[in-house]
Amino acid sequence: MTIGASYGDAFLAGITANLCRPNQSWNDVEGRVEPSSAAAGPYEDLYSLYGALYPATSVHMHRLAALQAQSRRGDGLGVLSPLASGKEVANRAS
C-alpha cells in the first residue's frame, strides 16, 4: 500500500531541490477502482439521511457552541468547560 500525499510531498521537495523535473513520471498508477452502479441504491439512502442531519441539528449545535464559548469567557454556566471534571460539574449543579 502506498500513501499518495507523502509521495506528492517528496516529489515537490525533489522539484524544489532540482532533483527531478516537474513533468517527470514518478508515480505510476497501480490500479483503478470504479464505482459500482449496483451499490448506488443503499449509498443514496445513506447520503440522503446524512444530508438531512445538518439542517435538522444546526440550530442546536450553534447554541451548544455559543454556550461553550460563554463558559470559557466566564459569563456562562461554567459546567460546559472541557476542563471541568465530573465532580466539579456536580458541585456546580447543586
C-alpha atoms as a PDB file:
ATOM      1  CA  MET A   1       0.000   0.000   0.000  1.00  0.00           C
ATOM      2  CA  THR A   2       1.296   3.450  -0.823  1.00  0.00           C
ATOM      3  CA  ILE A   3       0.344   6.766   0.722  1.00  0.00           C
ATOM      4  CA  GLY A   4      -0.234   9.316  -2.029  1.00  0.00           C
ATOM      5  CA  ALA A   5       0.224  12.512  -0.025  1.00  0.00           C
ATOM      6  CA  SER A   6       3.689  11.589   1.217  1.00  0.00           C
ATOM      7  CA  TYR A   7       4.783  10.743  -2.327  1.00  0.00           C
ATOM      8  CA  GLY A   8       3.450  14.100  -3.504  1.00  0.00           C
ATOM      9  CA  ASP A   9       5.379  15.877  -0.744  1.00  0.00           C
ATOM     10  CA  ALA A  10       8.562  14.038  -1.694  1.00  0.00           C
ATOM     11  CA  PHE A  11       8.031  14.878  -5.369  1.00  0.00           C
ATOM     12  CA  LEU A  12       7.548  18.594  -4.629  1.00  0.00           C
ATOM     13  CA  ALA A  13      10.679  18.558  -2.467  1.00  0.00           C
ATOM     14  CA  GLY A  14      12.588  16.865  -5.298  1.00  0.00           C
ATOM     15  CA  ILE A  15      11.468  19.536  -7.764  1.00  0.00           C
ATOM     16  CA  THR A  16      12.459  22.297  -5.329  1.00  0.00           C
ATOM     17  CA  ALA A  17      15.894  20.720  -4.817  1.00  0.00           C
ATOM     18  CA  ASN A  18      16.301  20.293  -8.614  1.00  0.00           C
ATOM     19  CA  LEU A  19      16.477  16.510  -8.201  1.00  0.00           C
ATOM     20  CA  CYS A  20      13.653  15.882 -10.675  1.00  0.00           C
ATOM     21  CA  ARG A  21      11.679  17.715 -13.346  1.00  0.00           C
ATOM     22  CA  PRO A  22       8.057  18.850 -12.838  1.00  0.00           C
ATOM     23  CA  ASN A  23       6.910  16.817 -15.858  1.00  0.00           C
ATOM     24  CA  GLN A  24       8.788  13.670 -14.815  1.00  0.00           C
ATOM     25  CA  SER A  25       6.821  10.452 -14.367  1.00  0.00           C
ATOM     26  CA  TRP A  26       7.476   9.386 -10.817  1.00  0.00           C
ATOM     27  CA  ASN A  27       4.451   7.525  -9.505  1.00  0.00           C
ATOM     28  CA  ASP A  28       2.770   5.137 -11.908  1.00  0.00           C
ATOM     29  CA  VAL A  29      -0.880   4.240 -11.392  1.00  0.00           C
ATOM     30  CA  GLU A  30      -1.052   0.727  -9.978  1.00  0.00           C
ATOM     31  CA  GLY A  31      -4.783   0.260 -10.440  1.00  0.00           C
ATOM     32  CA  ARG A  32      -8.131   1.996 -10.554  1.00  0.00           C
ATOM     33  CA  VAL A  33     -11.331   1.470  -8.631  1.00  0.00           C
ATOM     34  CA  GLU A  34     -14.515   2.252 -10.496  1.00  0.00           C
ATOM     35  CA  PRO A  35     -17.862   2.860  -8.783  1.00  0.00           C
ATOM     36  CA  SER A  36     -20.449   0.121  -8.967  1.00  0.00           C
ATOM     37  CA  SER A  37     -23.928   1.201 -10.050  1.00  0.00           C
ATOM     38  CA  ALA A  38     -25.329  -1.881  -8.261  1.00  0.00           C
ATOM     39  CA  ALA A  39     -24.160  -0.474  -4.908  1.00  0.00           C
ATOM     40  CA  ALA A  40     -25.513   3.027  -5.528  1.00  0.00           C
ATOM     41  CA  GLY A  41     -29.001   2.481  -4.052  1.00  0.00           C
ATOM     42  CA  PRO A  42     -28.052   1.913  -0.412  1.00  0.00           C
ATOM     43  CA  TYR A  43     -25.473   4.700  -0.552  1.00  0.00           C
ATOM     44  CA  GLU A  44     -28.046   7.140  -1.947  1.00  0.00           C
ATOM     45  CA  ASP A  45     -30.327   6.357   1.009  1.00  0.00           C
ATOM     46  CA  LEU A  46     -27.471   6.832   3.485  1.00  0.00           C
ATOM     47  CA  TYR A  47     -26.338  10.059   1.814  1.00  0.00           C
ATOM     48  CA  SER A  48     -29.870  11.438   1.913  1.00  0.00           C
ATOM     49  CA  LEU A  49     -30.042  10.742   5.650  1.00  0.00           C
ATOM     50  CA  TYR A  50     -26.588  12.258   6.167  1.00  0.00           C
ATOM     51  CA  GLY A  51     -27.615  15.340   4.192  1.00  0.00           C
ATOM     52  CA  ALA A  52     -30.643  15.834   6.455  1.00  0.00           C
ATOM     53  CA  LEU A  53     -28.543  15.881   9.639  1.00  0.00           C
ATOM     54  CA  TYR A  54     -27.160  19.411   9.358  1.00  0.00           C
ATOM     55  CA  PRO A  55     -30.458  21.203   8.712  1.00  0.00           C
ATOM     56  CA  ALA A  56     -32.078  19.173  11.488  1.00  0.00           C
ATOM     57  CA  THR A  57     -29.399  19.881  14.097  1.00  0.00           C
ATOM     58  CA  SER A  58     -27.657  23.123  13.116  1.00  0.00           C
ATOM     59  CA  VAL A  59     -29.674  25.371  15.441  1.00  0.00           C
ATOM     60  CA  HIS A  60     -28.889  23.105  18.397  1.00  0.00           C
ATOM     61  CA  MET A  61     -25.204  22.746  17.503  1.00  0.00           C
ATOM     62  CA  HIS A  62     -24.763  26.515  17.164  1.00  0.00           C
ATOM     63  CA  ARG A  63     -26.495  27.062  20.504  1.00  0.00           C
ATOM     64  CA  LEU A  64     -24.229  24.473  22.178  1.00  0.00           C
ATOM     65  CA  ALA A  65     -21.178  26.193  20.692  1.00  0.00           C
ATOM     66  CA  ALA A  66     -22.386  29.574  21.990  1.00  0.00           C
ATOM     67  CA  LEU A  67     -22.917  28.139  25.481  1.00  0.00           C
ATOM     68  CA  GLN A  68     -19.439  26.631  25.429  1.00  0.00           C
ATOM     69  CA  ALA A  69     -17.945  29.974  24.357  1.00  0.00           C
ATOM     70  CA  GLN A  70     -19.813  31.729  27.184  1.00  0.00           C
ATOM     71  CA  SER A  71     -18.490  29.158  29.631  1.00  0.00           C
ATOM     72  CA  ARG A  72     -14.913  29.752  28.501  1.00  0.00           C
ATOM     73  CA  ARG A  73     -15.344  33.512  28.911  1.00  0.00           C
ATOM     74  CA  GLY A  74     -16.729  33.010  32.405  1.00  0.00           C
ATOM     75  CA  ASP A  75     -20.116  34.564  31.687  1.00  0.00           C
ATOM     76  CA  GLY A  76     -21.994  31.307  31.183  1.00  0.00           C
ATOM     77  CA  LEU A  77     -22.890  28.235  33.143  1.00  0.00           C
ATOM     78  CA  GLY A  78     -19.319  27.148  33.709  1.00  0.00           C
ATOM     79  CA  VAL A  79     -20.315  23.497  33.581  1.00  0.00           C
ATOM     80  CA  LEU A  80     -19.511  23.284  29.894  1.00  0.00           C
ATOM     81  CA  SER A  81     -15.801  23.832  30.339  1.00  0.00           C
ATOM     82  CA  PRO A  82     -13.918  20.947  28.739  1.00  0.00           C
ATOM     83  CA  LEU A  83     -11.512  21.013  31.696  1.00  0.00           C
ATOM     84  CA  ALA A  84     -14.209  20.540  34.327  1.00  0.00           C
ATOM     85  CA  SER A  85     -14.235  17.132  35.978  1.00  0.00           C
ATOM     86  CA  GLY A  86     -17.452  15.281  36.705  1.00  0.00           C
ATOM     87  CA  LYS A  87     -17.107  16.114  40.410  1.00  0.00           C
ATOM     88  CA  GLU A  88     -16.714  19.847  39.695  1.00  0.00           C
ATOM     89  CA  VAL A  89     -19.752  19.790  37.438  1.00  0.00           C
ATOM     90  CA  ALA A  90     -21.828  18.017  40.111  1.00  0.00           C
ATOM     91  CA  ASN A  91     -20.717  20.568  42.740  1.00  0.00           C
ATOM     92  CA  ARG A  92     -21.670  23.483  40.477  1.00  0.00           C
ATOM     93  CA  ALA A  93     -25.061  21.980  39.739  1.00  0.00           C
ATOM     94  CA  SER A  94     -26.023  21.665  43.403  1.00  0.00           C
END
